[in-house]
Amino acid sequence: MKTFVVIPAFNEGQVIRHVLQALQPLGYHVVVVDDASDDNTAAIAREYTQDVLAHLINRGQGAALKTGIQYALGQGAEVIVTYDADGQHQVSDIVALLAPIERGEVQVTLGSRYLTELSQQKVPYTRKVLHRLAVIFTNVSTGLQLTDTHNGLRAMTAAAARNIRFNQDRMAHASEILEEIGRKHISFCEVPVTVHYTEYSLAKGQHLGDFFKILLKIFVHKLK
C-alpha cells in the first residue's frame, strides 16, 4: 500500500536528521511539515525528502499534521502514518501499526505504550500520571476504551483520514482525533509501541499546565 509518513516539526534541528535517517531504509514517502522553525529543521529535512512543507507562522502540531495529511491525500496516499520529530518513536513499530490495516481489520491503528509491561517501564512516573488522567477523560468523553490517548504514532487509511476532521491546531488535536473516531464509529485498534524518552524529548513534551490547557480547549470546543 502507498504509505506516507507525516512528520510535524518545530525547531527539531538537533534530532530530525537521526529520525529521517532511521526512516529512509523503509522506503515510505516521508512528508515533513516545518511549523515555522527558526533553526535548520527544514534545511536538514530537505536532505532526505523532497516533500518538505512550510508554515509561514507557527500554528501548532495539530495544524502541521492537518497540512501534511491533506498533502499526502493529494499525492495518492493509501495509508498515512503520523510520526513525531523528536526521536521518541521507533521505526520498527510502523510495521506493527500497518499490519492490521493491511489485513483489512481496521481503518485506524493507535500506538500505545501501555499494552506491554516492558514499554510501561520506560515511561517516567510524572508522564504516567498525566497519561492516566488523559485516558480517563478521553474514555469518558468519547466512549472509547483506550490505554493511551496522547501518542503521536498512529496510522490510518485514506478513507479514515478524509473522514476525520479536527480543528484544534495545537496539542488538543490528539483528543479531537479520538473524539472523531468515536463519533463516526471508525474501526480502530491499539498496537503496542515503545516510546524512547530522552532529556531532549522530555523537555519538549507536555507538562501538567499543558494538560489542563488541552482539557479547557476541548471543553470549550464541545460547547460550540
C-alpha atoms as a PDB file:
ATOM      1  CA  MET A   1       0.000   0.000   0.000  1.00  0.00           C
ATOM      2  CA  LYS A   2       1.218   3.508  -0.811  1.00  0.00           C
ATOM      3  CA  THR A   3       2.242   4.714   2.646  1.00  0.00           C
ATOM      4  CA  PHE A   4       3.104   8.276   3.651  1.00  0.00           C
ATOM      5  CA  VAL A   5       4.769   9.174   6.957  1.00  0.00           C
ATOM      6  CA  VAL A   6       3.795  12.689   8.045  1.00  0.00           C
ATOM      7  CA  ILE A   7       6.177  14.381  10.489  1.00  0.00           C
ATOM      8  CA  PRO A   8       5.225  17.714  12.084  1.00  0.00           C
ATOM      9  CA  ALA A   9       8.382  19.548  13.153  1.00  0.00           C
ATOM     10  CA  PHE A  10       9.178  22.719  15.059  1.00  0.00           C
ATOM     11  CA  ASN A  11      12.803  23.523  15.916  1.00  0.00           C
ATOM     12  CA  GLU A  12      13.915  19.895  15.770  1.00  0.00           C
ATOM     13  CA  GLY A  13      17.290  20.547  14.158  1.00  0.00           C
ATOM     14  CA  GLN A  14      19.100  18.670  16.930  1.00  0.00           C
ATOM     15  CA  VAL A  15      17.351  15.365  16.285  1.00  0.00           C
ATOM     16  CA  ILE A  16      15.476  15.312  12.984  1.00  0.00           C
ATOM     17  CA  ARG A  17      18.464  14.041  10.995  1.00  0.00           C
ATOM     18  CA  HIS A  18      18.551  10.903  13.135  1.00  0.00           C
ATOM     19  CA  VAL A  19      14.792  10.451  12.727  1.00  0.00           C
ATOM     20  CA  LEU A  20      14.919  10.749   8.937  1.00  0.00           C
ATOM     21  CA  GLN A  21      17.993   8.526   8.637  1.00  0.00           C
ATOM     22  CA  ALA A  22      16.158   5.798  10.530  1.00  0.00           C
ATOM     23  CA  LEU A  23      13.087   6.108   8.299  1.00  0.00           C
ATOM     24  CA  GLN A  24      14.965   6.244   4.983  1.00  0.00           C
ATOM     25  CA  PRO A  25      15.650   2.487   4.527  1.00  0.00           C
ATOM     26  CA  LEU A  26      11.946   1.645   4.927  1.00  0.00           C
ATOM     27  CA  GLY A  27      11.071   3.272   1.609  1.00  0.00           C
ATOM     28  CA  TYR A  28       7.968   5.173   2.736  1.00  0.00           C
ATOM     29  CA  HIS A  29       7.015   8.569   1.325  1.00  0.00           C
ATOM     30  CA  VAL A  30       8.128  10.979   4.055  1.00  0.00           C
ATOM     31  CA  VAL A  31       6.473  14.385   4.418  1.00  0.00           C
ATOM     32  CA  VAL A  32       7.963  16.886   6.866  1.00  0.00           C
ATOM     33  CA  VAL A  33       5.847  19.886   7.821  1.00  0.00           C
ATOM     34  CA  ASP A  34       8.106  22.615   9.169  1.00  0.00           C
ATOM     35  CA  ASP A  35       5.937  24.678  11.508  1.00  0.00           C
ATOM     36  CA  ALA A  36       7.861  27.957  11.084  1.00  0.00           C
ATOM     37  CA  SER A  37      11.047  26.752  12.773  1.00  0.00           C
ATOM     38  CA  ASP A  38      13.775  29.328  13.334  1.00  0.00           C
ATOM     39  CA  ASP A  39      16.572  26.749  13.231  1.00  0.00           C
ATOM     40  CA  ASN A  40      17.839  24.423  10.484  1.00  0.00           C
ATOM     41  CA  THR A  41      14.990  21.874  10.711  1.00  0.00           C
ATOM     42  CA  ALA A  42      13.762  22.486   7.154  1.00  0.00           C
ATOM     43  CA  ALA A  43      17.250  22.509   5.617  1.00  0.00           C
ATOM     44  CA  ILE A  44      18.100  19.138   7.172  1.00  0.00           C
ATOM     45  CA  ALA A  45      14.757  17.660   6.166  1.00  0.00           C
ATOM     46  CA  ARG A  46      15.343  18.620   2.527  1.00  0.00           C
ATOM     47  CA  GLU A  47      18.465  16.440   2.524  1.00  0.00           C
ATOM     48  CA  TYR A  48      16.232  13.392   2.992  1.00  0.00           C
ATOM     49  CA  THR A  49      12.922  14.188   1.314  1.00  0.00           C
ATOM     50  CA  GLN A  50      11.596  16.452  -1.400  1.00  0.00           C
ATOM     51  CA  ASP A  51       8.308  16.744   0.458  1.00  0.00           C
ATOM     52  CA  VAL A  52       9.078  19.489   2.964  1.00  0.00           C
ATOM     53  CA  LEU A  53       6.125  21.792   3.554  1.00  0.00           C
ATOM     54  CA  ALA A  54       6.467  25.080   5.430  1.00  0.00           C
ATOM     55  CA  HIS A  55       4.145  27.150   7.587  1.00  0.00           C
ATOM     56  CA  LEU A  56       4.957  30.858   7.499  1.00  0.00           C
ATOM     57  CA  ILE A  57       3.887  31.231  11.138  1.00  0.00           C
ATOM     58  CA  ASN A  58       3.938  28.735  13.977  1.00  0.00           C
ATOM     59  CA  ARG A  59       0.463  27.185  14.101  1.00  0.00           C
ATOM     60  CA  GLY A  60       0.989  24.126  16.290  1.00  0.00           C
ATOM     61  CA  GLN A  61       1.341  20.376  15.871  1.00  0.00           C
ATOM     62  CA  GLY A  62      -2.319  19.821  15.044  1.00  0.00           C
ATOM     63  CA  ALA A  63      -2.202  22.310  12.193  1.00  0.00           C
ATOM     64  CA  ALA A  64       1.057  20.813  10.897  1.00  0.00           C
ATOM     65  CA  LEU A  65      -0.466  17.337  10.887  1.00  0.00           C
ATOM     66  CA  LYS A  66      -3.508  18.603   9.045  1.00  0.00           C
ATOM     67  CA  THR A  67      -1.296  20.222   6.388  1.00  0.00           C
ATOM     68  CA  GLY A  68       0.741  17.041   5.971  1.00  0.00           C
ATOM     69  CA  ILE A  69      -2.273  14.723   5.856  1.00  0.00           C
ATOM     70  CA  GLN A  70      -4.037  16.851   3.248  1.00  0.00           C
ATOM     71  CA  TYR A  71      -0.869  16.899   1.157  1.00  0.00           C
ATOM     72  CA  ALA A  72      -0.438  13.118   1.430  1.00  0.00           C
ATOM     73  CA  LEU A  73      -4.033  12.538   0.355  1.00  0.00           C
ATOM     74  CA  GLY A  74      -3.452  14.810  -2.638  1.00  0.00           C
ATOM     75  CA  GLN A  75      -0.433  12.680  -3.588  1.00  0.00           C
ATOM     76  CA  GLY A  76      -2.471   9.481  -3.626  1.00  0.00           C
ATOM     77  CA  ALA A  77      -1.632   8.092  -0.186  1.00  0.00           C
ATOM     78  CA  GLU A  78      -3.464   4.878   0.691  1.00  0.00           C
ATOM     79  CA  VAL A  79      -2.220   4.838   4.288  1.00  0.00           C
ATOM     80  CA  ILE A  80      -0.895   7.710   6.401  1.00  0.00           C
ATOM     81  CA  VAL A  81       1.328   7.320   9.456  1.00  0.00           C
ATOM     82  CA  THR A  82       1.819  10.241  11.846  1.00  0.00           C
ATOM     83  CA  TYR A  83       5.244  10.307  13.453  1.00  0.00           C
ATOM     84  CA  ASP A  84       6.834  12.746  15.917  1.00  0.00           C
ATOM     85  CA  ALA A  85      10.084  14.511  15.039  1.00  0.00           C
ATOM     86  CA  ASP A  86      11.661  14.435  18.497  1.00  0.00           C
ATOM     87  CA  GLY A  87      13.184  10.965  18.273  1.00  0.00           C
ATOM     88  CA  GLN A  88      10.774   9.245  20.683  1.00  0.00           C
ATOM     89  CA  HIS A  89       9.283   6.813  18.188  1.00  0.00           C
ATOM     90  CA  GLN A  90      10.830   3.591  16.872  1.00  0.00           C
ATOM     91  CA  VAL A  91      10.672   2.967  13.134  1.00  0.00           C
ATOM     92  CA  SER A  92      10.229  -0.757  13.795  1.00  0.00           C
ATOM     93  CA  ASP A  93       6.812  -0.006  15.324  1.00  0.00           C
ATOM     94  CA  ILE A  94       5.477   1.285  11.992  1.00  0.00           C
ATOM     95  CA  VAL A  95       5.298  -2.232  10.562  1.00  0.00           C
ATOM     96  CA  ALA A  96       3.209  -3.369  13.539  1.00  0.00           C
ATOM     97  CA  LEU A  97       0.897  -0.373  13.125  1.00  0.00           C
ATOM     98  CA  LEU A  98       0.354  -1.086   9.443  1.00  0.00           C
ATOM     99  CA  ALA A  99      -0.337  -4.815   9.798  1.00  0.00           C
ATOM    100  CA  PRO A 100      -3.996  -4.654  10.993  1.00  0.00           C
ATOM    101  CA  ILE A 101      -4.758  -2.065   8.295  1.00  0.00           C
ATOM    102  CA  GLU A 102      -3.129  -4.119   5.550  1.00  0.00           C
ATOM    103  CA  ARG A 103      -5.162  -7.147   6.684  1.00  0.00           C
ATOM    104  CA  GLY A 104      -8.328  -5.069   6.341  1.00  0.00           C
ATOM    105  CA  GLU A 105      -9.237  -5.431  10.016  1.00  0.00           C
ATOM    106  CA  VAL A 106      -9.446  -1.731  10.940  1.00  0.00           C
ATOM    107  CA  GLN A 107      -9.178   1.722   9.426  1.00  0.00           C
ATOM    108  CA  VAL A 108      -7.054   3.261  12.180  1.00  0.00           C
ATOM    109  CA  THR A 109      -4.326   1.937  14.456  1.00  0.00           C
ATOM    110  CA  LEU A 110      -3.233   3.827  17.552  1.00  0.00           C
ATOM    111  CA  GLY A 111       0.139   3.329  19.172  1.00  0.00           C
ATOM    112  CA  SER A 112       0.029   2.565  22.908  1.00  0.00           C
ATOM    113  CA  ARG A 113       2.939   2.487  25.335  1.00  0.00           C
ATOM    114  CA  TYR A 114       0.754   0.778  27.955  1.00  0.00           C
ATOM    115  CA  LEU A 115      -0.016  -2.564  26.343  1.00  0.00           C
ATOM    116  CA  THR A 116       3.181  -4.311  27.428  1.00  0.00           C
ATOM    117  CA  GLU A 117       4.969  -4.324  30.768  1.00  0.00           C
ATOM    118  CA  LEU A 118       8.313  -3.548  29.153  1.00  0.00           C
ATOM    119  CA  SER A 119       7.134  -0.412  27.380  1.00  0.00           C
ATOM    120  CA  GLN A 120       5.316   0.799  30.515  1.00  0.00           C
ATOM    121  CA  GLN A 121       8.552   0.606  32.481  1.00  0.00           C
ATOM    122  CA  LYS A 122      10.165   3.103  30.118  1.00  0.00           C
ATOM    123  CA  VAL A 123       7.595   5.833  30.885  1.00  0.00           C
ATOM    124  CA  PRO A 124       8.649   8.350  33.588  1.00  0.00           C
ATOM    125  CA  TYR A 125       6.310   8.432  36.591  1.00  0.00           C
ATOM    126  CA  THR A 126       5.090  12.014  36.046  1.00  0.00           C
ATOM    127  CA  ARG A 127       4.183  11.153  32.447  1.00  0.00           C
ATOM    128  CA  LYS A 128       2.271   8.094  33.614  1.00  0.00           C
ATOM    129  CA  VAL A 129       0.162  10.301  35.880  1.00  0.00           C
ATOM    130  CA  LEU A 130      -0.612  12.777  33.101  1.00  0.00           C
ATOM    131  CA  HIS A 131      -1.376   9.989  30.650  1.00  0.00           C
ATOM    132  CA  ARG A 132      -3.691   8.277  33.116  1.00  0.00           C
ATOM    133  CA  LEU A 133      -5.670  11.476  33.637  1.00  0.00           C
ATOM    134  CA  ALA A 134      -5.896  11.944  29.873  1.00  0.00           C
ATOM    135  CA  VAL A 135      -7.079   8.352  29.371  1.00  0.00           C
ATOM    136  CA  ILE A 136      -9.846   8.721  31.970  1.00  0.00           C
ATOM    137  CA  PHE A 137     -11.051  11.997  30.464  1.00  0.00           C
ATOM    138  CA  THR A 138     -10.940  10.741  26.884  1.00  0.00           C
ATOM    139  CA  ASN A 139     -12.623   7.417  27.595  1.00  0.00           C
ATOM    140  CA  VAL A 140     -15.460   9.183  29.411  1.00  0.00           C
ATOM    141  CA  SER A 141     -15.888  11.896  26.769  1.00  0.00           C
ATOM    142  CA  THR A 142     -15.623   9.647  23.693  1.00  0.00           C
ATOM    143  CA  GLY A 143     -16.987   6.298  24.871  1.00  0.00           C
ATOM    144  CA  LEU A 144     -13.840   4.593  23.625  1.00  0.00           C
ATOM    145  CA  GLN A 145     -11.809   2.207  25.746  1.00  0.00           C
ATOM    146  CA  LEU A 146      -8.171   3.191  25.304  1.00  0.00           C
ATOM    147  CA  THR A 147      -4.946   2.744  27.220  1.00  0.00           C
ATOM    148  CA  ASP A 148      -3.001   5.645  25.658  1.00  0.00           C
ATOM    149  CA  THR A 149      -4.550   8.828  24.306  1.00  0.00           C
ATOM    150  CA  HIS A 150      -1.674  11.192  23.516  1.00  0.00           C
ATOM    151  CA  ASN A 151       0.657   9.049  21.466  1.00  0.00           C
ATOM    152  CA  GLY A 152       1.755  10.736  18.245  1.00  0.00           C
ATOM    153  CA  LEU A 153       2.382   7.415  16.500  1.00  0.00           C
ATOM    154  CA  ARG A 154      -0.751   6.310  14.626  1.00  0.00           C
ATOM    155  CA  ALA A 155      -1.779   5.070  11.189  1.00  0.00           C
ATOM    156  CA  MET A 156      -4.951   5.485   9.157  1.00  0.00           C
ATOM    157  CA  THR A 157      -6.357   4.605   5.777  1.00  0.00           C
ATOM    158  CA  ALA A 158      -7.005   7.381   3.272  1.00  0.00           C
ATOM    159  CA  ALA A 159     -10.742   6.920   3.798  1.00  0.00           C
ATOM    160  CA  ALA A 160     -10.366   7.381   7.558  1.00  0.00           C
ATOM    161  CA  ALA A 161      -8.111  10.406   7.085  1.00  0.00           C
ATOM    162  CA  ARG A 162     -10.746  12.071   4.899  1.00  0.00           C
ATOM    163  CA  ASN A 163     -13.429  11.289   7.465  1.00  0.00           C
ATOM    164  CA  ILE A 164     -11.545  12.612  10.489  1.00  0.00           C
ATOM    165  CA  ARG A 165     -11.973  16.355  10.840  1.00  0.00           C
ATOM    166  CA  PHE A 166     -10.062  18.207  13.503  1.00  0.00           C
ATOM    167  CA  ASN A 167      -9.893  21.930  14.143  1.00  0.00           C
ATOM    168  CA  GLN A 168      -7.517  22.050  17.107  1.00  0.00           C
ATOM    169  CA  ASP A 169      -4.243  23.490  15.814  1.00  0.00           C
ATOM    170  CA  ARG A 170      -2.155  22.645  18.848  1.00  0.00           C
ATOM    171  CA  MET A 171      -1.823  19.643  21.153  1.00  0.00           C
ATOM    172  CA  ALA A 172      -5.565  19.208  21.724  1.00  0.00           C
ATOM    173  CA  HIS A 173      -5.743  17.682  18.245  1.00  0.00           C
ATOM    174  CA  ALA A 174      -4.844  14.256  19.697  1.00  0.00           C
ATOM    175  CA  SER A 175      -8.028  14.151  21.771  1.00  0.00           C
ATOM    176  CA  GLU A 176     -10.053  15.584  18.904  1.00  0.00           C
ATOM    177  CA  ILE A 177      -8.942  12.797  16.556  1.00  0.00           C
ATOM    178  CA  LEU A 178     -10.098  10.210  19.088  1.00  0.00           C
ATOM    179  CA  GLU A 179     -13.388  12.042  19.507  1.00  0.00           C
ATOM    180  CA  GLU A 180     -13.918  11.851  15.744  1.00  0.00           C
ATOM    181  CA  ILE A 181     -13.136   8.126  15.714  1.00  0.00           C
ATOM    182  CA  GLY A 182     -15.737   7.520  18.398  1.00  0.00           C
ATOM    183  CA  ARG A 183     -18.389   9.833  16.985  1.00  0.00           C
ATOM    184  CA  LYS A 184     -18.125   8.457  13.459  1.00  0.00           C
ATOM    185  CA  HIS A 185     -17.679   4.826  14.523  1.00  0.00           C
ATOM    186  CA  ILE A 186     -14.396   4.434  12.654  1.00  0.00           C
ATOM    187  CA  SER A 187     -12.909   0.995  13.248  1.00  0.00           C
ATOM    188  CA  PHE A 188      -9.652   1.053  15.194  1.00  0.00           C
ATOM    189  CA  CYS A 189      -7.345  -0.920  17.439  1.00  0.00           C
ATOM    190  CA  GLU A 190      -4.408  -0.134  19.691  1.00  0.00           C
ATOM    191  CA  VAL A 191      -0.980  -1.548  18.885  1.00  0.00           C
ATOM    192  CA  PRO A 192       1.917  -1.903  21.352  1.00  0.00           C
ATOM    193  CA  VAL A 193       4.725   0.590  20.700  1.00  0.00           C
ATOM    194  CA  THR A 194       7.762   1.718  22.626  1.00  0.00           C
ATOM    195  CA  VAL A 195       8.465   5.384  23.364  1.00  0.00           C
ATOM    196  CA  HIS A 196      12.127   6.246  23.873  1.00  0.00           C
ATOM    197  CA  TYR A 197      12.421   9.119  26.348  1.00  0.00           C
ATOM    198  CA  THR A 198      15.445  11.397  26.388  1.00  0.00           C
ATOM    199  CA  GLU A 199      16.232  14.621  28.239  1.00  0.00           C
ATOM    200  CA  TYR A 200      15.547  16.403  24.958  1.00  0.00           C
ATOM    201  CA  SER A 201      12.114  14.865  24.355  1.00  0.00           C
ATOM    202  CA  LEU A 202      11.062  15.269  27.990  1.00  0.00           C
ATOM    203  CA  ALA A 203      11.977  18.954  27.908  1.00  0.00           C
ATOM    204  CA  LYS A 204       9.877  19.492  24.786  1.00  0.00           C
ATOM    205  CA  GLY A 205       6.963  17.337  25.886  1.00  0.00           C
ATOM    206  CA  GLN A 206       3.712  18.192  27.634  1.00  0.00           C
ATOM    207  CA  HIS A 207       3.582  19.192  31.283  1.00  0.00           C
ATOM    208  CA  LEU A 208       0.768  19.461  33.822  1.00  0.00           C
ATOM    209  CA  GLY A 209      -0.128  23.008  32.791  1.00  0.00           C
ATOM    210  CA  ASP A 210      -0.330  21.945  29.148  1.00  0.00           C
ATOM    211  CA  PHE A 211      -2.643  19.086  30.091  1.00  0.00           C
ATOM    212  CA  PHE A 212      -5.180  21.416  31.708  1.00  0.00           C
ATOM    213  CA  LYS A 213      -4.976  23.822  28.771  1.00  0.00           C
ATOM    214  CA  ILE A 214      -5.807  20.929  26.453  1.00  0.00           C
ATOM    215  CA  LEU A 215      -8.776  19.918  28.591  1.00  0.00           C
ATOM    216  CA  LEU A 216     -10.050  23.504  28.578  1.00  0.00           C
ATOM    217  CA  LYS A 217      -9.786  23.770  24.790  1.00  0.00           C
ATOM    218  CA  ILE A 218     -11.647  20.509  24.303  1.00  0.00           C
ATOM    219  CA  PHE A 219     -14.353  21.547  26.768  1.00  0.00           C
ATOM    220  CA  VAL A 220     -14.831  24.924  25.037  1.00  0.00           C
ATOM    221  CA  HIS A 221     -14.943  23.219  21.645  1.00  0.00           C
ATOM    222  CA  LYS A 222     -17.685  20.870  22.852  1.00  0.00           C
ATOM    223  CA  LEU A 223     -19.801  23.840  23.949  1.00  0.00           C
ATOM    224  CA  LYS A 224     -19.743  25.380  20.468  1.00  0.00           C
END
